Amino acid sequence: MVELNHNCVNVNSDTLVKGDHGVLLAVHVLKSGSSGSKCELRNGTGASDPVEVTAFGEDVQDVDEIHRRFESGIFADITGNAEYLIIFK
């Protein structure tokens, strides 16, 4: 039943995904972007916080089973024009 606790957010620009501690579960590239498109997921609430996970958005793909704990928030720092679905709890 833990899958009922999942949340998701669709992003294509810099966004605060979660403001406090959480667990990143998966990143899905919904729409591929240009060369160099990427989503850096940072442990904090801003673009200057440390990068924990990077998902490249040049191709449609699913990055599952991440299970990475973020202590200070989850911030999505987007480069390029790809579209991502971020799943967390």
PDB file of N, CA and C in Angstrom:
ATOM      1  N   MET A   1       0.797  -1.205   0.000  1.00  0.00           N
ATOM      2  CA  MET A   1       0.000   0.000   0.000  1.00  0.00           C
ATOM      3  C   MET A   1       0.842   1.272   0.000  1.00  0.00           C
ATOM      4  N   VAL A   2       2.141   1.187   0.084  1.00  0.00           N
ATOM      5  CA  VAL A   2       2.943   2.409   0.113  1.00  0.00           C
ATOM      6  C   VAL A   2       2.853   3.196  -1.177  1.00  0.00           C
ATOM      7  N   GLU A   3       2.516   2.542  -2.297  1.00  0.00           N
ATOM      8  CA  GLU A   3       2.402   3.281  -3.548  1.00  0.00           C
ATOM      9  C   GLU A   3       1.303   4.340  -3.482  1.00  0.00           C
ATOM     10  N   LEU A   4       0.391   4.249  -2.547  1.00  0.00           N
ATOM     11  CA  LEU A   4      -0.653   5.241  -2.389  1.00  0.00           C
ATOM     12  C   LEU A   4      -0.108   6.547  -1.824  1.00  0.00           C
ATOM     13  N   ASN A   5       1.081   6.532  -1.265  1.00  0.00           N
ATOM     14  CA  ASN A   5       1.684   7.729  -0.695  1.00  0.00           C
ATOM     15  C   ASN A   5       2.488   8.525  -1.713  1.00  0.00           C
ATOM     16  N   HIS A   6       2.566   8.084  -2.950  1.00  0.00           N
ATOM     17  CA  HIS A   6       3.377   8.757  -3.954  1.00  0.00           C
ATOM     18  C   HIS A   6       2.702  10.035  -4.442  1.00  0.00           C
ATOM     19  N   ASN A   7       3.539  11.001  -4.779  1.00  0.00           N
ATOM     20  CA  ASN A   7       3.091  12.251  -5.376  1.00  0.00           C
ATOM     21  C   ASN A   7       3.849  12.418  -6.678  1.00  0.00           C
ATOM     22  N   CYS A   8       3.323  13.226  -7.575  1.00  0.00           N
ATOM     23  CA  CYS A   8       4.061  13.492  -8.800  1.00  0.00           C
ATOM     24  C   CYS A   8       3.843  14.935  -9.215  1.00  0.00           C
ATOM     25  N   VAL A   9       4.820  15.460  -9.949  1.00  0.00           N
ATOM     26  CA  VAL A   9       4.731  16.813 -10.473  1.00  0.00           C
ATOM     27  C   VAL A   9       5.341  16.806 -11.866  1.00  0.00           C
ATOM     28  N   ASN A  10       4.692  17.501 -12.774  1.00  0.00           N
ATOM     29  CA  ASN A  10       5.132  17.620 -14.151  1.00  0.00           C
ATOM     30  C   ASN A  10       5.869  18.951 -14.282  1.00  0.00           C
ATOM     31  N   VAL A  11       7.146  18.932 -14.702  1.00  0.00           N
ATOM     32  CA  VAL A  11       7.940  20.159 -14.760  1.00  0.00           C
ATOM     33  C   VAL A  11       8.627  20.310 -16.115  1.00  0.00           C
ATOM     34  N   ASN A  12       8.799  21.558 -16.528  1.00  0.00           N
ATOM     35  CA  ASN A  12       9.598  21.880 -17.704  1.00  0.00           C
ATOM     36  C   ASN A  12      10.403  23.166 -17.492  1.00  0.00           C
ATOM     37  N   SER A  13      10.424  23.653 -16.245  1.00  0.00           N
ATOM     38  CA  SER A  13      11.243  24.796 -15.856  1.00  0.00           C
ATOM     39  C   SER A  13      11.614  24.630 -14.378  1.00  0.00           C
ATOM     40  N   ASP A  14      12.555  25.442 -13.898  1.00  0.00           N
ATOM     41  CA  ASP A  14      13.004  25.339 -12.507  1.00  0.00           C
ATOM     42  C   ASP A  14      11.808  25.388 -11.564  1.00  0.00           C
ATOM     43  N   THR A  15      11.728  24.400 -10.654  1.00  0.00           N
ATOM     44  CA  THR A  15      10.567  24.272  -9.783  1.00  0.00           C
ATOM     45  C   THR A  15      10.961  23.667  -8.440  1.00  0.00           C
ATOM     46  N   LEU A  16      10.393  24.178  -7.365  1.00  0.00           N
ATOM     47  CA  LEU A  16      10.507  23.541  -6.065  1.00  0.00           C
ATOM     48  C   LEU A  16       9.492  22.410  -6.033  1.00  0.00           C
ATOM     49  N   VAL A  17       9.973  21.174  -6.018  1.00  0.00           N
ATOM     50  CA  VAL A  17       9.113  19.996  -6.070  1.00  0.00           C
ATOM     51  C   VAL A  17       8.525  19.702  -4.695  1.00  0.00           C
ATOM     52  N   LYS A  18       9.370  19.762  -3.666  1.00  0.00           N
ATOM     53  CA  LYS A  18       8.942  19.478  -2.289  1.00  0.00           C
ATOM     54  C   LYS A  18       9.766  20.349  -1.368  1.00  0.00           C
ATOM     55  N   GLY A  19       9.134  21.024  -0.439  1.00  0.00           N
ATOM     56  CA  GLY A  19       9.808  22.003   0.401  1.00  0.00           C
ATOM     57  C   GLY A  19      10.501  21.458   1.631  1.00  0.00           C
ATOM     58  N   ASP A  20      10.280  20.213   1.976  1.00  0.00           N
ATOM     59  CA  ASP A  20      10.954  19.630   3.134  1.00  0.00           C
ATOM     60  C   ASP A  20      11.450  18.239   2.759  1.00  0.00           C
ATOM     61  N   HIS A  21      11.843  17.451   3.746  1.00  0.00           N
ATOM     62  CA  HIS A  21      12.440  16.148   3.437  1.00  0.00           C
ATOM     63  C   HIS A  21      11.467  15.246   2.670  1.00  0.00           C
ATOM     64  N   GLY A  22      12.049  14.413   1.798  1.00  0.00           N
ATOM     65  CA  GLY A  22      11.254  13.505   0.985  1.00  0.00           C
ATOM     66  C   GLY A  22      12.153  12.458   0.348  1.00  0.00           C
ATOM     67  N   VAL A  23      11.552  11.582  -0.430  1.00  0.00           N
ATOM     68  CA  VAL A  23      12.284  10.519  -1.112  1.00  0.00           C
ATOM     69  C   VAL A  23      11.936  10.583  -2.598  1.00  0.00           C
ATOM     70  N   LEU A  24      12.952  10.719  -3.434  1.00  0.00           N
ATOM     71  CA  LEU A  24      12.774  10.697  -4.879  1.00  0.00           C
ATOM     72  C   LEU A  24      12.659   9.249  -5.324  1.00  0.00           C
ATOM     73  N   LEU A  25      11.603   8.923  -6.059  1.00  0.00           N
ATOM     74  CA  LEU A  25      11.361   7.549  -6.480  1.00  0.00           C
ATOM     75  C   LEU A  25      11.663   7.321  -7.953  1.00  0.00           C
ATOM     76  N   ALA A  26      11.296   8.265  -8.817  1.00  0.00           N
ATOM     77  CA  ALA A  26      11.485   8.063 -10.257  1.00  0.00           C
ATOM     78  C   ALA A  26      11.436   9.403 -10.980  1.00  0.00           C
ATOM     79  N   VAL A  27      12.056   9.420 -12.164  1.00  0.00           N
ATOM     80  CA  VAL A  27      11.973  10.559 -13.073  1.00  0.00           C
ATOM     81  C   VAL A  27      11.652  10.001 -14.453  1.00  0.00           C
ATOM     82  N   HIS A  28      10.625  10.529 -15.081  1.00  0.00           N
ATOM     83  CA  HIS A  28      10.236  10.107 -16.427  1.00  0.00           C
ATOM     84  C   HIS A  28      10.379  11.303 -17.360  1.00  0.00           C
ATOM     85  N   VAL A  29      11.041  11.106 -18.486  1.00  0.00           N
ATOM     86  CA  VAL A  29      11.121  12.142 -19.506  1.00  0.00           C
ATOM     87  C   VAL A  29       9.911  11.952 -20.413  1.00  0.00           C
ATOM     88  N   LEU A  30       8.973  12.889 -20.333  1.00  0.00           N
ATOM     89  CA  LEU A  30       7.731  12.784 -21.089  1.00  0.00           C
ATOM     90  C   LEU A  30       7.868  13.318 -22.504  1.00  0.00           C
ATOM     91  N   LYS A  31       8.640  14.385 -22.662  1.00  0.00           N
ATOM     92  CA  LYS A  31       8.869  14.997 -23.970  1.00  0.00           C
ATOM     93  C   LYS A  31      10.359  15.270 -24.089  1.00  0.00           C
ATOM     94  N   SER A  32      10.976  14.673 -25.088  1.00  0.00           N
ATOM     95  CA  SER A  32      12.419  14.865 -25.244  1.00  0.00           C
ATOM     96  C   SER A  32      12.717  16.306 -25.639  1.00  0.00           C
ATOM     97  N   GLY A  33      13.917  16.726 -25.275  1.00  0.00           N
ATOM     98  CA  GLY A  33      14.331  18.087 -25.560  1.00  0.00           C
ATOM     99  C   GLY A  33      15.533  18.123 -26.481  1.00  0.00           C
ATOM    100  N   SER A  34      16.093  19.293 -26.618  1.00  0.00           N
ATOM    101  CA  SER A  34      17.258  19.485 -27.467  1.00  0.00           C
ATOM    102  C   SER A  34      18.508  18.928 -26.800  1.00  0.00           C
ATOM    103  N   SER A  35      19.586  18.905 -27.541  1.00  0.00           N
ATOM    104  CA  SER A  35      20.860  18.411 -27.020  1.00  0.00           C
ATOM    105  C   SER A  35      21.253  19.207 -25.769  1.00  0.00           C
ATOM    106  N   GLY A  36      21.629  18.503 -24.725  1.00  0.00           N
ATOM    107  CA  GLY A  36      22.017  19.139 -23.468  1.00  0.00           C
ATOM    108  C   GLY A  36      20.880  19.338 -22.484  1.00  0.00           C
ATOM    109  N   SER A  37      19.668  18.937 -22.836  1.00  0.00           N
ATOM    110  CA  SER A  37      18.543  19.062 -21.895  1.00  0.00           C
ATOM    111  C   SER A  37      18.755  18.129 -20.718  1.00  0.00           C
ATOM    112  N   LYS A  38      18.546  18.636 -19.511  1.00  0.00           N
ATOM    113  CA  LYS A  38      18.704  17.804 -18.313  1.00  0.00           C
ATOM    114  C   LYS A  38      17.910  18.385 -17.159  1.00  0.00           C
ATOM    115  N   CYS A  39      17.648  17.518 -16.200  1.00  0.00           N
ATOM    116  CA  CYS A  39      16.975  17.888 -14.963  1.00  0.00           C
ATOM    117  C   CYS A  39      17.897  17.499 -13.813  1.00  0.00           C
ATOM    118  N   GLU A  40      18.432  18.488 -13.116  1.00  0.00           N
ATOM    119  CA  GLU A  40      19.260  18.230 -11.943  1.00  0.00           C
ATOM    120  C   GLU A  40      18.368  18.364 -10.718  1.00  0.00           C
ATOM    121  N   LEU A  41      18.271  17.312  -9.947  1.00  0.00           N
ATOM    122  CA  LEU A  41      17.470  17.335  -8.734  1.00  0.00           C
ATOM    123  C   LEU A  41      18.391  17.636  -7.566  1.00  0.00           C
ATOM    124  N   ARG A  42      18.124  18.740  -6.894  1.00  0.00           N
ATOM    125  CA  ARG A  42      19.003  19.264  -5.852  1.00  0.00           C
ATOM    126  C   ARG A  42      18.403  19.062  -4.470  1.00  0.00           C
ATOM    127  N   ASN A  43      19.276  18.788  -3.508  1.00  0.00           N
ATOM    128  CA  ASN A  43      18.875  18.575  -2.116  1.00  0.00           C
ATOM    129  C   ASN A  43      18.777  19.929  -1.429  1.00  0.00           C
ATOM    130  N   GLY A  44      17.625  20.554  -1.562  1.00  0.00           N
ATOM    131  CA  GLY A  44      17.391  21.873  -0.984  1.00  0.00           C
ATOM    132  C   GLY A  44      16.243  22.556  -1.675  1.00  0.00           C
ATOM    133  N   THR A  45      16.194  23.880  -1.555  1.00  0.00           N
ATOM    134  CA  THR A  45      15.065  24.630  -2.095  1.00  0.00           C
ATOM    135  C   THR A  45      15.467  25.627  -3.175  1.00  0.00           C
ATOM    136  N   GLY A  46      16.713  25.557  -3.649  1.00  0.00           N
ATOM    137  CA  GLY A  46      17.152  26.503  -4.672  1.00  0.00           C
ATOM    138  C   GLY A  46      18.206  25.945  -5.599  1.00  0.00           C
ATOM    139  N   ALA A  47      18.530  26.725  -6.624  1.00  0.00           N
ATOM    140  CA  ALA A  47      19.448  26.291  -7.676  1.00  0.00           C
ATOM    141  C   ALA A  47      20.905  26.213  -7.227  1.00  0.00           C
ATOM    142  N   SER A  48      21.230  26.730  -6.054  1.00  0.00           N
ATOM    143  CA  SER A  48      22.615  26.675  -5.574  1.00  0.00           C
ATOM    144  C   SER A  48      22.873  25.485  -4.645  1.00  0.00           C
ATOM    145  N   ASP A  49      21.858  24.706  -4.354  1.00  0.00           N
ATOM    146  CA  ASP A  49      22.013  23.543  -3.465  1.00  0.00           C
ATOM    147  C   ASP A  49      22.681  22.385  -4.196  1.00  0.00           C
ATOM    148  N   PRO A  50      23.239  21.396  -3.464  1.00  0.00           N
ATOM    149  CA  PRO A  50      23.980  20.296  -4.102  1.00  0.00           C
ATOM    150  C   PRO A  50      23.102  19.373  -4.954  1.00  0.00           C
ATOM    151  N   VAL A  51      23.655  18.959  -6.108  1.00  0.00           N
ATOM    152  CA  VAL A  51      22.965  18.051  -7.023  1.00  0.00           C
ATOM    153  C   VAL A  51      23.063  16.631  -6.492  1.00  0.00           C
ATOM    154  N   GLU A  52      21.937  15.926  -6.420  1.00  0.00           N
ATOM    155  CA  GLU A  52      21.889  14.533  -5.980  1.00  0.00           C
ATOM    156  C   GLU A  52      21.680  13.577  -7.154  1.00  0.00           C
ATOM    157  N   VAL A  53      20.820  13.963  -8.110  1.00  0.00           N
ATOM    158  CA  VAL A  53      20.463  13.095  -9.241  1.00  0.00           C
ATOM    159  C   VAL A  53      20.335  13.964 -10.486  1.00  0.00           C
ATOM    160  N   THR A  54      20.844  13.466 -11.621  1.00  0.00           N
ATOM    161  CA  THR A  54      20.675  14.143 -12.908  1.00  0.00           C
ATOM    162  C   THR A  54      19.997  13.197 -13.884  1.00  0.00           C
ATOM    163  N   ALA A  55      18.931  13.663 -14.521  1.00  0.00           N
ATOM    164  CA  ALA A  55      18.240  12.902 -15.572  1.00  0.00           C
ATOM    165  C   ALA A  55      18.379  13.689 -16.869  1.00  0.00           C
ATOM    166  N   PHE A  56      18.916  13.052 -17.892  1.00  0.00           N
ATOM    167  CA  PHE A  56      19.108  13.713 -19.174  1.00  0.00           C
ATOM    168  C   PHE A  56      17.849  13.593 -20.015  1.00  0.00           C
ATOM    169  N   GLY A  57      17.449  14.684 -20.662  1.00  0.00           N
ATOM    170  CA  GLY A  57      16.183  14.736 -21.362  1.00  0.00           C
ATOM    171  C   GLY A  57      16.269  14.742 -22.866  1.00  0.00           C
ATOM    172  N   GLU A  58      17.367  14.251 -23.420  1.00  0.00           N
ATOM    173  CA  GLU A  58      17.504  14.239 -24.871  1.00  0.00           C
ATOM    174  C   GLU A  58      16.647  13.165 -25.529  1.00  0.00           C
ATOM    175  N   ASP A  59      16.236  12.150 -24.776  1.00  0.00           N
ATOM    176  CA  ASP A  59      15.364  11.081 -25.264  1.00  0.00           C
ATOM    177  C   ASP A  59      14.290  10.796 -24.220  1.00  0.00           C
ATOM    178  N   VAL A  60      13.142  10.311 -24.688  1.00  0.00           N
ATOM    179  CA  VAL A  60      12.095   9.875 -23.770  1.00  0.00           C
ATOM    180  C   VAL A  60      12.603   8.632 -23.047  1.00  0.00           C
ATOM    181  N   GLN A  61      12.530   8.634 -21.717  1.00  0.00           N
ATOM    182  CA  GLN A  61      13.042   7.517 -20.930  1.00  0.00           C
ATOM    183  C   GLN A  61      12.401   7.508 -19.551  1.00  0.00           C
ATOM    184  N   ASP A  62      12.543   6.383 -18.860  1.00  0.00           N
ATOM    185  CA  ASP A  62      12.082   6.226 -17.483  1.00  0.00           C
ATOM    186  C   ASP A  62      13.275   5.868 -16.615  1.00  0.00           C
ATOM    187  N   VAL A  63      13.466   6.624 -15.544  1.00  0.00           N
ATOM    188  CA  VAL A  63      14.500   6.322 -14.563  1.00  0.00           C
ATOM    189  C   VAL A  63      13.759   5.936 -13.286  1.00  0.00           C
ATOM    190  N   ASP A  64      13.623   4.625 -13.062  1.00  0.00           N
ATOM    191  CA  ASP A  64      12.839   4.113 -11.941  1.00  0.00           C
ATOM    192  C   ASP A  64      13.738   3.622 -10.809  1.00  0.00           C
ATOM    193  N   GLU A  65      13.104   3.314  -9.690  1.00  0.00           N
ATOM    194  CA  GLU A  65      13.782   2.695  -8.537  1.00  0.00           C
ATOM    195  C   GLU A  65      14.968   3.522  -8.039  1.00  0.00           C
ATOM    196  N   ILE A  66      14.775   4.829  -7.913  1.00  0.00           N
ATOM    197  CA  ILE A  66      15.854   5.699  -7.420  1.00  0.00           C
ATOM    198  C   ILE A  66      15.947   5.607  -5.900  1.00  0.00           C
ATOM    199  N   HIS A  67      14.852   5.844  -5.197  1.00  0.00           N
ATOM    200  CA  HIS A  67      14.789   5.759  -3.731  1.00  0.00           C
ATOM    201  C   HIS A  67      15.901   6.561  -3.058  1.00  0.00           C
ATOM    202  N   ARG A  68      16.076   7.820  -3.470  1.00  0.00           N
ATOM    203  CA  ARG A  68      17.102   8.699  -2.902  1.00  0.00           C
ATOM    204  C   ARG A  68      16.439   9.662  -1.939  1.00  0.00           C
ATOM    205  N   ARG A  69      16.944   9.682  -0.698  1.00  0.00           N
ATOM    206  CA  ARG A  69      16.388  10.549   0.341  1.00  0.00           C
ATOM    207  C   ARG A  69      16.952  11.960   0.199  1.00  0.00           C
ATOM    208  N   PHE A  70      16.078  12.946   0.262  1.00  0.00           N
ATOM    209  CA  PHE A  70      16.455  14.358   0.223  1.00  0.00           C
ATOM    210  C   PHE A  70      16.075  14.958   1.576  1.00  0.00           C
ATOM    211  N   GLU A  71      17.041  15.456   2.298  1.00  0.00           N
ATOM    212  CA  GLU A  71      16.808  15.966   3.659  1.00  0.00           C
ATOM    213  C   GLU A  71      16.264  17.384   3.688  1.00  0.00           C
ATOM    214  N   SER A  72      16.633  18.211   2.700  1.00  0.00           N
ATOM    215  CA  SER A  72      16.333  19.642   2.777  1.00  0.00           C
ATOM    216  C   SER A  72      15.348  20.128   1.734  1.00  0.00           C
ATOM    217  N   GLY A  73      14.683  19.235   1.041  1.00  0.00           N
ATOM    218  CA  GLY A  73      13.758  19.613  -0.017  1.00  0.00           C
ATOM    219  C   GLY A  73      14.223  19.044  -1.342  1.00  0.00           C
ATOM    220  N   ILE A  74      13.347  19.095  -2.346  1.00  0.00           N
ATOM    221  CA  ILE A  74      13.675  18.624  -3.688  1.00  0.00           C
ATOM    222  C   ILE A  74      13.439  19.776  -4.649  1.00  0.00           C
ATOM    223  N   PHE A  75      14.510  20.232  -5.291  1.00  0.00           N
ATOM    224  CA  PHE A  75      14.425  21.324  -6.252  1.00  0.00           C
ATOM    225  C   PHE A  75      14.840  20.806  -7.618  1.00  0.00           C
ATOM    226  N   ALA A  76      14.014  21.028  -8.630  1.00  0.00           N
ATOM    227  CA  ALA A  76      14.312  20.605  -9.998  1.00  0.00           C
ATOM    228  C   ALA A  76      14.902  21.790 -10.757  1.00  0.00           C
ATOM    229  N   ASP A  77      16.181  21.660 -11.127  1.00  0.00           N
ATOM    230  CA  ASP A  77      16.903  22.680 -11.886  1.00  0.00           C
ATOM    231  C   ASP A  77      16.948  22.204 -13.339  1.00  0.00           C
ATOM    232  N   ILE A  78      16.156  22.842 -14.203  1.00  0.00           N
ATOM    233  CA  ILE A  78      15.954  22.376 -15.574  1.00  0.00           C
ATOM    234  C   ILE A  78      16.811  23.173 -16.548  1.00  0.00           C
ATOM    235  N   THR A  79      17.506  22.451 -17.429  1.00  0.00           N
ATOM    236  CA  THR A  79      18.253  23.048 -18.531  1.00  0.00           C
ATOM    237  C   THR A  79      17.673  22.485 -19.821  1.00  0.00           C
ATOM    238  N   GLY A  80      17.335  23.334 -20.769  1.00  0.00           N
ATOM    239  CA  GLY A  80      16.789  22.870 -22.042  1.00  0.00           C
ATOM    240  C   GLY A  80      15.274  22.877 -22.036  1.00  0.00           C
ATOM    241  N   ASN A  81      14.701  22.168 -23.021  1.00  0.00           N
ATOM    242  CA  ASN A  81      13.257  22.248 -23.223  1.00  0.00           C
ATOM    243  C   ASN A  81      12.532  20.909 -23.103  1.00  0.00           C
ATOM    244  N   ALA A  82      13.101  19.965 -22.382  1.00  0.00           N
ATOM    245  CA  ALA A  82      12.431  18.678 -22.162  1.00  0.00           C
ATOM    246  C   ALA A  82      11.363  18.827 -21.075  1.00  0.00           C
ATOM    247  N   GLU A  83      10.480  17.840 -20.992  1.00  0.00           N
ATOM    248  CA  GLU A  83       9.422  17.828 -19.981  1.00  0.00           C
ATOM    249  C   GLU A  83       9.569  16.568 -19.137  1.00  0.00           C
ATOM    250  N   TYR A  84       9.509  16.709 -17.811  1.00  0.00           N
ATOM    251  CA  TYR A  84       9.775  15.625 -16.875  1.00  0.00           C
ATOM    252  C   TYR A  84       8.594  15.391 -15.950  1.00  0.00           C
ATOM    253  N   LEU A  85       8.401  14.154 -15.542  1.00  0.00           N
ATOM    254  CA  LEU A  85       7.454  13.793 -14.497  1.00  0.00           C
ATOM    255  C   LEU A  85       8.288  13.266 -13.334  1.00  0.00           C
ATOM    256  N   ILE A  86       8.215  13.936 -12.191  1.00  0.00           N
ATOM    257  CA  ILE A  86       9.006  13.572 -11.022  1.00  0.00           C
ATOM    258  C   ILE A  86       8.077  12.926 -10.004  1.00  0.00           C
ATOM    259  N   ILE A  87       8.429  11.712  -9.575  1.00  0.00           N
ATOM    260  CA  ILE A  87       7.616  10.965  -8.618  1.00  0.00           C
ATOM    261  C   ILE A  87       8.377  10.891  -7.305  1.00  0.00           C
ATOM    262  N   PHE A  88       7.718  11.249  -6.215  1.00  0.00           N
ATOM    263  CA  PHE A  88       8.358  11.332  -4.901  1.00  0.00           C
ATOM    264  C   PHE A  88       7.346  10.999  -3.819  1.00  0.00           C
ATOM    265  N   LYS A  89       7.863  10.837  -2.612  1.00  0.00           N
ATOM    266  CA  LYS A  89       6.975  10.708  -1.453  1.00  0.00           C
ATOM    267  C   LYS A  89       7.602  11.399  -0.272  1.00  0.00           C
TER     268      LYS A  89
END
